[in-house]
Amino acid sequence: MTDPILTTTQDGITTITINRPHRRNAVDPPTAKALYNAILAFDADPAQKICILTGAGGTFCAGADLHAVAAGASPSTLATQENLQPVPVPPSDNDGPVRSLGPMGPTRLQISKPLIAAIAGHAVAGGLELALLADLRVVEEDAVLGVFCRRRLWG
């Protein structure tokens, strides 16, 4: 099985790639946690100055993995599953950056360094949420960004 998140570093630039092209880079709970941890590692590394977030296979991210939702997970339960427990903030950090983990992974983080989203293909639903985490979005001319959920799927 391949890693759902690939991370490379070179000359102070971290590239994080969502690597689930068979699911159009949709994020399931393990991918959310891996993405969250990759962003935290980038933010904590003083040698890394900027991060590029992208997706493999010509798609940025198609949002939450609906196969995981169909298997019983929902946005309200994803964050409470064992692999998506909110990260506790020590009492001394109450005035520090937000470090909680959400269903899409890092979208609730306050990151101290620049993050660029390199968007190809679709960035929809939760994928748009990930794109909005970035300080700058570089978008291919034919990319599609948006929210397609027109019906109530859960809750």
C-alpha atoms as a PDB file:
ATOM      1  CA  MET A   1       0.000   0.000   0.000  1.00  0.00           C
ATOM      2  CA  THR A   2       1.307   3.448  -0.850  1.00  0.00           C
ATOM      3  CA  ASP A   3       1.536   6.294   1.619  1.00  0.00           C
ATOM      4  CA  PRO A   4      -1.490   8.605   1.458  1.00  0.00           C
ATOM      5  CA  ILE A   5       0.736  11.636   2.046  1.00  0.00           C
ATOM      6  CA  LEU A   6       4.129  12.148   0.410  1.00  0.00           C
ATOM      7  CA  THR A   7       6.524  14.754   1.788  1.00  0.00           C
ATOM      8  CA  THR A   8       9.716  16.010   0.179  1.00  0.00           C
ATOM      9  CA  THR A   9      12.055  18.774   1.298  1.00  0.00           C
ATOM     10  CA  GLN A  10      14.667  20.627  -0.702  1.00  0.00           C
ATOM     11  CA  ASP A  11      16.357  23.987  -0.152  1.00  0.00           C
ATOM     12  CA  GLY A  12      13.896  25.096   2.530  1.00  0.00           C
ATOM     13  CA  ILE A  13      10.836  24.123   0.489  1.00  0.00           C
ATOM     14  CA  THR A  14       8.539  21.365   1.712  1.00  0.00           C
ATOM     15  CA  THR A  15       6.195  19.748  -0.789  1.00  0.00           C
ATOM     16  CA  ILE A  16       3.281  17.777   0.628  1.00  0.00           C
ATOM     17  CA  THR A  17       1.330  15.673  -1.864  1.00  0.00           C
ATOM     18  CA  ILE A  18      -2.014  14.021  -1.177  1.00  0.00           C
ATOM     19  CA  ASN A  19      -1.351  10.633  -2.775  1.00  0.00           C
ATOM     20  CA  ARG A  20      -4.713   8.910  -3.252  1.00  0.00           C
ATOM     21  CA  PRO A  21      -5.315   9.369  -6.991  1.00  0.00           C
ATOM     22  CA  HIS A  22      -7.501   6.221  -7.078  1.00  0.00           C
ATOM     23  CA  ARG A  23      -9.970   8.209  -4.904  1.00  0.00           C
ATOM     24  CA  ARG A  24      -9.238  11.580  -6.529  1.00  0.00           C
ATOM     25  CA  ASN A  25      -7.259  12.408  -3.384  1.00  0.00           C
ATOM     26  CA  ALA A  26     -10.354  12.238  -1.191  1.00  0.00           C
ATOM     27  CA  VAL A  27      -9.404  12.359   2.472  1.00  0.00           C
ATOM     28  CA  ASP A  28     -10.244   9.484   4.806  1.00  0.00           C
ATOM     29  CA  PRO A  29      -9.384   9.567   8.543  1.00  0.00           C
ATOM     30  CA  PRO A  30      -5.853   8.077   8.226  1.00  0.00           C
ATOM     31  CA  THR A  31      -5.060  10.505   5.387  1.00  0.00           C
ATOM     32  CA  ALA A  32      -6.395  13.424   7.433  1.00  0.00           C
ATOM     33  CA  LYS A  33      -4.142  12.508  10.332  1.00  0.00           C
ATOM     34  CA  ALA A  34      -1.095  12.013   8.081  1.00  0.00           C
ATOM     35  CA  LEU A  35      -1.723  15.367   6.388  1.00  0.00           C
ATOM     36  CA  TYR A  36      -2.137  17.054   9.771  1.00  0.00           C
ATOM     37  CA  ASN A  37       1.148  15.551  11.013  1.00  0.00           C
ATOM     38  CA  ALA A  38       2.981  16.552   7.818  1.00  0.00           C
ATOM     39  CA  ILE A  39       1.840  20.177   8.167  1.00  0.00           C
ATOM     40  CA  LEU A  40       2.846  20.221  11.853  1.00  0.00           C
ATOM     41  CA  ALA A  41       6.278  18.783  11.006  1.00  0.00           C
ATOM     42  CA  PHE A  42       6.786  21.458   8.346  1.00  0.00           C
ATOM     43  CA  ASP A  43       5.733  24.225  10.732  1.00  0.00           C
ATOM     44  CA  ALA A  44       8.071  22.956  13.476  1.00  0.00           C
ATOM     45  CA  ASP A  45      11.163  22.592  11.250  1.00  0.00           C
ATOM     46  CA  PRO A  46      13.206  25.819  11.298  1.00  0.00           C
ATOM     47  CA  ALA A  47      15.060  24.759   8.116  1.00  0.00           C
ATOM     48  CA  GLN A  48      11.830  24.732   6.106  1.00  0.00           C
ATOM     49  CA  LYS A  49      10.611  28.152   4.996  1.00  0.00           C
ATOM     50  CA  ILE A  50       7.631  27.483   2.724  1.00  0.00           C
ATOM     51  CA  CYS A  51       5.273  24.596   1.958  1.00  0.00           C
ATOM     52  CA  ILE A  52       3.536  23.615  -1.257  1.00  0.00           C
ATOM     53  CA  LEU A  53       0.416  21.469  -0.865  1.00  0.00           C
ATOM     54  CA  THR A  54      -0.689  19.560  -3.953  1.00  0.00           C
ATOM     55  CA  GLY A  55      -2.453  16.410  -5.089  1.00  0.00           C
ATOM     56  CA  ALA A  56      -1.261  13.439  -7.140  1.00  0.00           C
ATOM     57  CA  GLY A  57      -2.741  12.352 -10.450  1.00  0.00           C
ATOM     58  CA  GLY A  58      -4.076  15.661 -11.728  1.00  0.00           C
ATOM     59  CA  THR A  59      -6.572  16.283  -8.899  1.00  0.00           C
ATOM     60  CA  PHE A  60      -5.967  18.491  -5.875  1.00  0.00           C
ATOM     61  CA  CYS A  61      -8.604  16.970  -3.563  1.00  0.00           C
ATOM     62  CA  ALA A  62     -12.195  15.796  -4.014  1.00  0.00           C
ATOM     63  CA  GLY A  63     -13.068  16.375  -0.352  1.00  0.00           C
ATOM     64  CA  ALA A  64     -13.914  13.765   2.245  1.00  0.00           C
ATOM     65  CA  ASP A  65     -13.746  10.137   1.161  1.00  0.00           C
ATOM     66  CA  LEU A  66     -17.420   9.276   0.725  1.00  0.00           C
ATOM     67  CA  HIS A  67     -16.562   5.566   0.849  1.00  0.00           C
ATOM     68  CA  ALA A  68     -15.532   6.164   4.483  1.00  0.00           C
ATOM     69  CA  VAL A  69     -18.779   8.068   5.040  1.00  0.00           C
ATOM     70  CA  ALA A  70     -20.787   5.207   3.495  1.00  0.00           C
ATOM     71  CA  ALA A  71     -18.994   2.802   5.822  1.00  0.00           C
ATOM     72  CA  GLY A  72     -20.437   4.653   8.797  1.00  0.00           C
ATOM     73  CA  ALA A  73     -18.214   7.667   9.255  1.00  0.00           C
ATOM     74  CA  SER A  74     -19.628  11.173   9.071  1.00  0.00           C
ATOM     75  CA  PRO A  75     -18.090  14.615   9.553  1.00  0.00           C
ATOM     76  CA  SER A  76     -19.453  14.676  13.104  1.00  0.00           C
ATOM     77  CA  THR A  77     -18.014  11.244  13.947  1.00  0.00           C
ATOM     78  CA  LEU A  78     -14.763  11.426  11.975  1.00  0.00           C
ATOM     79  CA  ALA A  79     -13.266  13.898  14.443  1.00  0.00           C
ATOM     80  CA  THR A  80     -14.090  11.638  17.387  1.00  0.00           C
ATOM     81  CA  GLN A  81     -12.681   8.411  15.972  1.00  0.00           C
ATOM     82  CA  GLU A  82      -9.476   7.166  17.567  1.00  0.00           C
ATOM     83  CA  ASN A  83      -7.284   8.256  14.653  1.00  0.00           C
ATOM     84  CA  LEU A  84      -8.731  11.790  14.633  1.00  0.00           C
ATOM     85  CA  GLN A  85      -8.742  12.712  18.303  1.00  0.00           C
ATOM     86  CA  PRO A  86      -8.323  16.449  18.824  1.00  0.00           C
ATOM     87  CA  VAL A  87      -4.774  17.270  19.836  1.00  0.00           C
ATOM     88  CA  PRO A  88      -4.771  18.490  23.443  1.00  0.00           C
ATOM     89  CA  VAL A  89      -3.316  21.944  23.960  1.00  0.00           C
ATOM     90  CA  PRO A  90      -1.190  22.225  27.116  1.00  0.00           C
ATOM     91  CA  PRO A  91      -2.461  24.846  29.593  1.00  0.00           C
ATOM     92  CA  SER A  92       0.642  26.974  28.973  1.00  0.00           C
ATOM     93  CA  ASP A  93      -0.335  27.212  25.291  1.00  0.00           C
ATOM     94  CA  ASN A  94      -3.863  28.542  25.785  1.00  0.00           C
ATOM     95  CA  ASP A  95      -2.863  31.763  24.059  1.00  0.00           C
ATOM     96  CA  GLY A  96      -0.858  29.956  21.384  1.00  0.00           C
ATOM     97  CA  PRO A  97      -1.796  28.747  17.930  1.00  0.00           C
ATOM     98  CA  VAL A  98      -4.810  26.533  17.341  1.00  0.00           C
ATOM     99  CA  ARG A  99      -3.705  22.904  17.001  1.00  0.00           C
ATOM    100  CA  SER A 100      -6.971  20.950  16.746  1.00  0.00           C
ATOM    101  CA  LEU A 101      -7.460  18.211  14.185  1.00  0.00           C
ATOM    102  CA  GLY A 102     -10.558  18.300  12.005  1.00  0.00           C
ATOM    103  CA  PRO A 103     -12.153  15.829   9.582  1.00  0.00           C
ATOM    104  CA  MET A 104     -10.009  17.141   6.702  1.00  0.00           C
ATOM    105  CA  GLY A 105      -6.872  17.140   8.863  1.00  0.00           C
ATOM    106  CA  PRO A 106      -5.012  20.438   9.217  1.00  0.00           C
ATOM    107  CA  THR A 107      -7.707  22.945   8.232  1.00  0.00           C
ATOM    108  CA  ARG A 108      -8.110  24.165  11.810  1.00  0.00           C
ATOM    109  CA  LEU A 109      -4.405  24.853  12.276  1.00  0.00           C
ATOM    110  CA  GLN A 110      -2.803  28.241  12.549  1.00  0.00           C
ATOM    111  CA  ILE A 111       0.409  27.836  10.576  1.00  0.00           C
ATOM    112  CA  SER A 112       3.276  30.257  11.156  1.00  0.00           C
ATOM    113  CA  LYS A 113       4.897  29.857   7.722  1.00  0.00           C
ATOM    114  CA  PRO A 114       3.628  30.421   4.174  1.00  0.00           C
ATOM    115  CA  LEU A 115       1.582  27.620   2.624  1.00  0.00           C
ATOM    116  CA  ILE A 116       0.869  27.524  -1.113  1.00  0.00           C
ATOM    117  CA  ALA A 117      -1.837  25.305  -2.602  1.00  0.00           C
ATOM    118  CA  ALA A 118      -0.914  24.138  -6.119  1.00  0.00           C
ATOM    119  CA  ILE A 119      -4.330  23.256  -7.530  1.00  0.00           C
ATOM    120  CA  ALA A 120      -4.930  21.088 -10.584  1.00  0.00           C
ATOM    121  CA  GLY A 121      -8.180  19.357 -11.445  1.00  0.00           C
ATOM    122  CA  HIS A 122     -10.822  19.486  -8.730  1.00  0.00           C
ATOM    123  CA  ALA A 123     -10.650  21.183  -5.329  1.00  0.00           C
ATOM    124  CA  VAL A 124     -14.209  20.617  -4.184  1.00  0.00           C
ATOM    125  CA  ALA A 125     -16.020  20.361  -0.853  1.00  0.00           C
ATOM    126  CA  GLY A 126     -13.356  19.525   1.746  1.00  0.00           C
ATOM    127  CA  GLY A 127     -10.729  19.941  -0.980  1.00  0.00           C
ATOM    128  CA  LEU A 128     -11.768  23.575  -1.247  1.00  0.00           C
ATOM    129  CA  GLU A 129     -11.443  23.763   2.541  1.00  0.00           C
ATOM    130  CA  LEU A 130      -7.840  22.543   2.234  1.00  0.00           C
ATOM    131  CA  ALA A 131      -7.177  25.064  -0.542  1.00  0.00           C
ATOM    132  CA  LEU A 132      -8.502  27.856   1.672  1.00  0.00           C
ATOM    133  CA  LEU A 133      -6.028  26.870   4.393  1.00  0.00           C
ATOM    134  CA  ALA A 134      -3.252  28.107   2.098  1.00  0.00           C
ATOM    135  CA  ASP A 135      -1.960  31.662   2.110  1.00  0.00           C
ATOM    136  CA  LEU A 136      -1.739  31.574  -1.681  1.00  0.00           C
ATOM    137  CA  ARG A 137      -3.478  29.399  -4.253  1.00  0.00           C
ATOM    138  CA  VAL A 138      -1.910  28.757  -7.651  1.00  0.00           C
ATOM    139  CA  VAL A 139      -4.663  27.346  -9.857  1.00  0.00           C
ATOM    140  CA  GLU A 140      -4.474  25.735 -13.289  1.00  0.00           C
ATOM    141  CA  GLU A 141      -6.659  27.418 -15.881  1.00  0.00           C
ATOM    142  CA  ASP A 142      -9.053  24.463 -16.137  1.00  0.00           C
ATOM    143  CA  ALA A 143      -9.218  23.637 -12.414  1.00  0.00           C
ATOM    144  CA  VAL A 144     -12.610  23.431 -10.705  1.00  0.00           C
ATOM    145  CA  LEU A 145     -13.172  24.835  -7.216  1.00  0.00           C
ATOM    146  CA  GLY A 146     -16.456  24.688  -5.367  1.00  0.00           C
ATOM    147  CA  VAL A 147     -18.945  22.906  -3.176  1.00  0.00           C
ATOM    148  CA  PHE A 148     -21.267  20.467  -4.940  1.00  0.00           C
ATOM    149  CA  CYS A 149     -23.274  19.225  -1.948  1.00  0.00           C
ATOM    150  CA  ARG A 150     -26.845  20.212  -2.774  1.00  0.00           C
ATOM    151  CA  ARG A 151     -28.622  17.695  -0.575  1.00  0.00           C
ATOM    152  CA  ARG A 152     -28.360  16.901   3.051  1.00  0.00           C
ATOM    153  CA  LEU A 153     -26.173  13.797   3.270  1.00  0.00           C
ATOM    154  CA  TRP A 154     -25.888  13.446   7.031  1.00  0.00           C
ATOM    155  CA  GLY A 155     -26.869  14.928  10.391  1.00  0.00           C
END
